[in-house]
């Protein structure tokens, strides 16, 4: 259980880390997105993208919702 919780926290932290350069139109965002897509946490990110708008803030936290929404938009998930 602890491993899954750690993976979940790492995944939403990675999403936020990716989102900052996206908002600044920094090309590093593409590299970070690729690293996240190639990471073992991508399945957790996919699960997060399936969260409904009412549930997402409760699960990933309000700070992560903009990053999650941007990921959905960028990657059509």
N, C-alpha and C. Protein backbone atom coordinates (compact mmCIF):
# COMPACT_ATOMS: atom_id res chain seq x y z
N UNK A 1 0.82 -1.19 0.00
CA UNK A 1 0.00 0.00 0.00
C UNK A 1 0.87 1.27 0.00
N UNK A 2 1.94 1.25 0.77
CA UNK A 2 2.81 2.42 0.82
C UNK A 2 3.44 2.72 -0.54
N UNK A 3 3.80 1.67 -1.25
CA UNK A 3 4.37 1.86 -2.58
C UNK A 3 3.41 2.52 -3.53
N UNK A 4 2.15 2.14 -3.47
CA UNK A 4 1.14 2.76 -4.33
C UNK A 4 0.90 4.21 -3.95
N UNK A 5 0.90 4.49 -2.67
CA UNK A 5 0.73 5.88 -2.22
C UNK A 5 1.91 6.73 -2.67
N UNK A 6 3.10 6.18 -2.57
CA UNK A 6 4.29 6.91 -3.02
C UNK A 6 4.24 7.15 -4.52
N UNK A 7 3.83 6.16 -5.29
CA UNK A 7 3.71 6.31 -6.74
C UNK A 7 2.69 7.39 -7.08
N UNK A 8 1.59 7.40 -6.36
CA UNK A 8 0.55 8.40 -6.57
C UNK A 8 1.09 9.80 -6.30
N UNK A 9 1.76 9.97 -5.18
CA UNK A 9 2.32 11.28 -4.84
C UNK A 9 3.37 11.72 -5.86
N UNK A 10 4.21 10.78 -6.27
CA UNK A 10 5.24 11.10 -7.26
C UNK A 10 4.60 11.50 -8.58
N UNK A 11 3.54 10.81 -8.97
CA UNK A 11 2.87 11.11 -10.24
C UNK A 11 2.27 12.51 -10.23
N UNK A 12 1.56 12.88 -9.16
CA UNK A 12 0.98 14.22 -9.20
C UNK A 12 2.03 15.30 -9.01
N UNK A 13 3.10 14.99 -8.33
CA UNK A 13 4.21 15.94 -8.24
C UNK A 13 4.85 16.13 -9.61
N UNK A 14 5.02 15.05 -10.35
CA UNK A 14 5.58 15.14 -11.70
C UNK A 14 4.68 15.94 -12.63
N UNK A 15 3.37 15.76 -12.49
CA UNK A 15 2.44 16.54 -13.30
C UNK A 15 2.60 18.03 -13.03
N UNK A 16 2.70 18.40 -11.77
CA UNK A 16 2.89 19.82 -11.44
C UNK A 16 4.23 20.32 -11.95
N UNK A 17 5.28 19.49 -11.84
CA UNK A 17 6.60 19.88 -12.35
C UNK A 17 6.57 20.11 -13.85
N UNK A 18 5.79 19.32 -14.56
CA UNK A 18 5.64 19.49 -16.01
C UNK A 18 4.83 20.74 -16.33
N UNK A 19 3.82 21.01 -15.54
CA UNK A 19 2.89 22.09 -15.84
C UNK A 19 3.54 23.47 -15.73
N UNK A 20 4.47 23.66 -14.82
CA UNK A 20 5.11 24.97 -14.67
C UNK A 20 5.78 25.41 -15.97
N UNK A 21 6.63 24.59 -16.60
CA UNK A 21 7.22 25.03 -17.87
C UNK A 21 6.19 25.16 -19.00
N UNK A 22 5.11 24.39 -18.94
CA UNK A 22 4.05 24.53 -19.95
C UNK A 22 3.49 25.94 -19.88
N UNK A 23 3.19 26.39 -18.68
CA UNK A 23 2.60 27.73 -18.52
C UNK A 23 3.57 28.84 -18.95
N UNK A 24 4.86 28.57 -18.85
CA UNK A 24 5.87 29.56 -19.24
C UNK A 24 6.30 29.39 -20.69
N UNK A 25 5.65 28.46 -21.40
CA UNK A 25 5.99 28.17 -22.79
C UNK A 25 7.46 27.79 -22.94
N UNK A 26 7.96 27.07 -21.95
CA UNK A 26 9.35 26.62 -21.92
C UNK A 26 9.47 25.29 -22.66
N UNK A 27 10.40 25.18 -23.61
CA UNK A 27 10.56 23.93 -24.36
C UNK A 27 10.90 22.72 -23.49
N UNK A 28 11.39 22.97 -22.28
CA UNK A 28 11.69 21.87 -21.37
C UNK A 28 10.43 21.04 -21.06
N UNK A 29 9.27 21.64 -21.20
CA UNK A 29 8.02 20.94 -20.93
C UNK A 29 7.90 19.67 -21.78
N UNK A 30 8.35 19.74 -23.02
CA UNK A 30 8.28 18.56 -23.90
C UNK A 30 9.16 17.43 -23.37
N UNK A 31 10.33 17.79 -22.89
CA UNK A 31 11.24 16.78 -22.34
C UNK A 31 10.67 16.17 -21.06
N UNK A 32 10.08 17.01 -20.23
CA UNK A 32 9.48 16.52 -18.99
C UNK A 32 8.28 15.62 -19.29
N UNK A 33 7.48 15.99 -20.27
CA UNK A 33 6.34 15.17 -20.65
C UNK A 33 6.81 13.80 -21.14
N UNK A 34 7.84 13.79 -21.97
CA UNK A 34 8.35 12.51 -22.47
C UNK A 34 8.90 11.66 -21.33
N UNK A 35 9.60 12.29 -20.40
CA UNK A 35 10.13 11.55 -19.26
C UNK A 35 9.00 10.96 -18.43
N UNK A 36 7.93 11.71 -18.25
CA UNK A 36 6.79 11.19 -17.49
C UNK A 36 6.09 10.07 -18.26
N UNK A 37 5.96 10.22 -19.56
CA UNK A 37 5.33 9.17 -20.36
C UNK A 37 6.15 7.88 -20.34
N UNK A 38 7.46 8.00 -20.21
CA UNK A 38 8.33 6.83 -20.18
C UNK A 38 8.54 6.28 -18.76
N UNK A 39 7.98 6.95 -17.78
CA UNK A 39 8.22 6.56 -16.38
C UNK A 39 7.26 5.46 -15.93
N UNK A 40 7.60 4.79 -14.85
CA UNK A 40 6.69 3.79 -14.30
C UNK A 40 5.42 4.41 -13.70
N UNK A 41 5.38 5.73 -13.58
CA UNK A 41 4.22 6.40 -12.98
C UNK A 41 3.14 6.74 -14.00
N UNK A 42 3.38 6.48 -15.28
CA UNK A 42 2.42 6.90 -16.30
C UNK A 42 1.07 6.21 -16.13
N UNK A 43 1.05 4.98 -15.64
CA UNK A 43 -0.24 4.31 -15.41
C UNK A 43 -1.04 5.04 -14.33
N UNK A 44 -0.34 5.58 -13.35
CA UNK A 44 -1.01 6.35 -12.30
C UNK A 44 -1.56 7.64 -12.90
N UNK A 45 -0.80 8.29 -13.76
CA UNK A 45 -1.28 9.50 -14.42
C UNK A 45 -2.51 9.19 -15.26
N UNK A 46 -2.49 8.08 -15.99
CA UNK A 46 -3.66 7.70 -16.79
C UNK A 46 -4.89 7.51 -15.91
N UNK A 47 -4.70 6.90 -14.75
CA UNK A 47 -5.82 6.73 -13.82
C UNK A 47 -6.34 8.08 -13.35
N UNK A 48 -5.43 9.01 -13.09
CA UNK A 48 -5.84 10.34 -12.66
C UNK A 48 -6.66 11.05 -13.73
N UNK A 49 -6.30 10.85 -14.99
CA UNK A 49 -7.01 11.54 -16.07
C UNK A 49 -8.46 11.06 -16.20
N UNK A 50 -8.74 9.91 -15.64
CA UNK A 50 -10.11 9.39 -15.69
C UNK A 50 -10.98 9.88 -14.53
N UNK A 51 -10.40 10.64 -13.62
CA UNK A 51 -11.17 11.19 -12.50
C UNK A 51 -12.11 12.27 -13.01
N UNK A 52 -13.33 12.25 -12.54
CA UNK A 52 -14.29 13.28 -12.90
C UNK A 52 -13.93 14.61 -12.28
N UNK A 53 -14.47 15.71 -12.82
CA UNK A 53 -14.13 17.04 -12.33
C UNK A 53 -14.51 17.27 -10.87
N UNK A 54 -15.53 16.62 -10.40
CA UNK A 54 -15.92 16.78 -9.00
C UNK A 54 -15.04 15.99 -8.05
N UNK A 55 -14.47 14.92 -8.55
CA UNK A 55 -13.66 14.03 -7.71
C UNK A 55 -12.17 14.38 -7.75
N UNK A 56 -11.69 14.87 -8.87
CA UNK A 56 -10.26 15.14 -9.03
C UNK A 56 -9.67 16.02 -7.92
N UNK A 57 -10.31 17.14 -7.56
CA UNK A 57 -9.71 17.97 -6.51
C UNK A 57 -9.60 17.23 -5.17
N UNK A 58 -10.52 16.36 -4.90
CA UNK A 58 -10.49 15.61 -3.65
C UNK A 58 -9.39 14.56 -3.65
N UNK A 59 -9.08 14.03 -4.81
CA UNK A 59 -8.10 12.95 -4.91
C UNK A 59 -6.69 13.49 -5.12
N UNK A 60 -6.53 14.38 -6.08
CA UNK A 60 -5.18 14.88 -6.40
C UNK A 60 -4.87 16.22 -5.75
N UNK A 61 -5.88 16.88 -5.21
CA UNK A 61 -5.67 18.18 -4.58
C UNK A 61 -5.88 19.31 -5.58
N UNK A 62 -6.41 20.39 -5.08
CA UNK A 62 -6.72 21.54 -5.94
C UNK A 62 -5.49 22.08 -6.66
N UNK A 63 -4.32 22.01 -6.03
CA UNK A 63 -3.08 22.51 -6.66
C UNK A 63 -2.72 21.73 -7.91
N UNK A 64 -3.12 20.47 -7.98
CA UNK A 64 -2.74 19.61 -9.11
C UNK A 64 -3.76 19.65 -10.24
N UNK A 65 -4.98 20.08 -9.96
CA UNK A 65 -6.05 20.05 -10.97
C UNK A 65 -5.68 20.81 -12.24
N UNK A 66 -5.11 22.03 -12.18
CA UNK A 66 -4.74 22.70 -13.44
C UNK A 66 -3.73 21.89 -14.27
N UNK A 67 -2.79 21.25 -13.61
CA UNK A 67 -1.81 20.42 -14.32
C UNK A 67 -2.48 19.22 -14.95
N UNK A 68 -3.39 18.61 -14.21
CA UNK A 68 -4.12 17.45 -14.73
C UNK A 68 -4.98 17.85 -15.93
N UNK A 69 -5.65 18.98 -15.84
CA UNK A 69 -6.45 19.46 -16.97
C UNK A 69 -5.58 19.75 -18.19
N UNK A 70 -4.41 20.35 -17.96
CA UNK A 70 -3.50 20.65 -19.07
C UNK A 70 -2.99 19.36 -19.70
N UNK A 71 -2.71 18.34 -18.89
CA UNK A 71 -2.25 17.06 -19.41
C UNK A 71 -3.33 16.44 -20.28
N UNK A 72 -4.56 16.46 -19.79
CA UNK A 72 -5.69 15.93 -20.59
C UNK A 72 -5.77 16.63 -21.94
N UNK A 73 -5.65 17.95 -21.92
CA UNK A 73 -5.74 18.74 -23.15
C UNK A 73 -4.57 18.42 -24.09
N UNK A 74 -3.38 18.38 -23.53
CA UNK A 74 -2.17 18.17 -24.35
C UNK A 74 -2.11 16.79 -24.96
N UNK A 75 -2.60 15.80 -24.24
CA UNK A 75 -2.42 14.41 -24.67
C UNK A 75 -3.72 13.70 -24.98
N UNK A 76 -4.81 14.46 -25.03
CA UNK A 76 -6.09 13.90 -25.47
C UNK A 76 -6.60 12.75 -24.65
N UNK A 77 -6.29 12.78 -23.38
CA UNK A 77 -6.71 11.68 -22.51
C UNK A 77 -7.88 12.14 -21.67
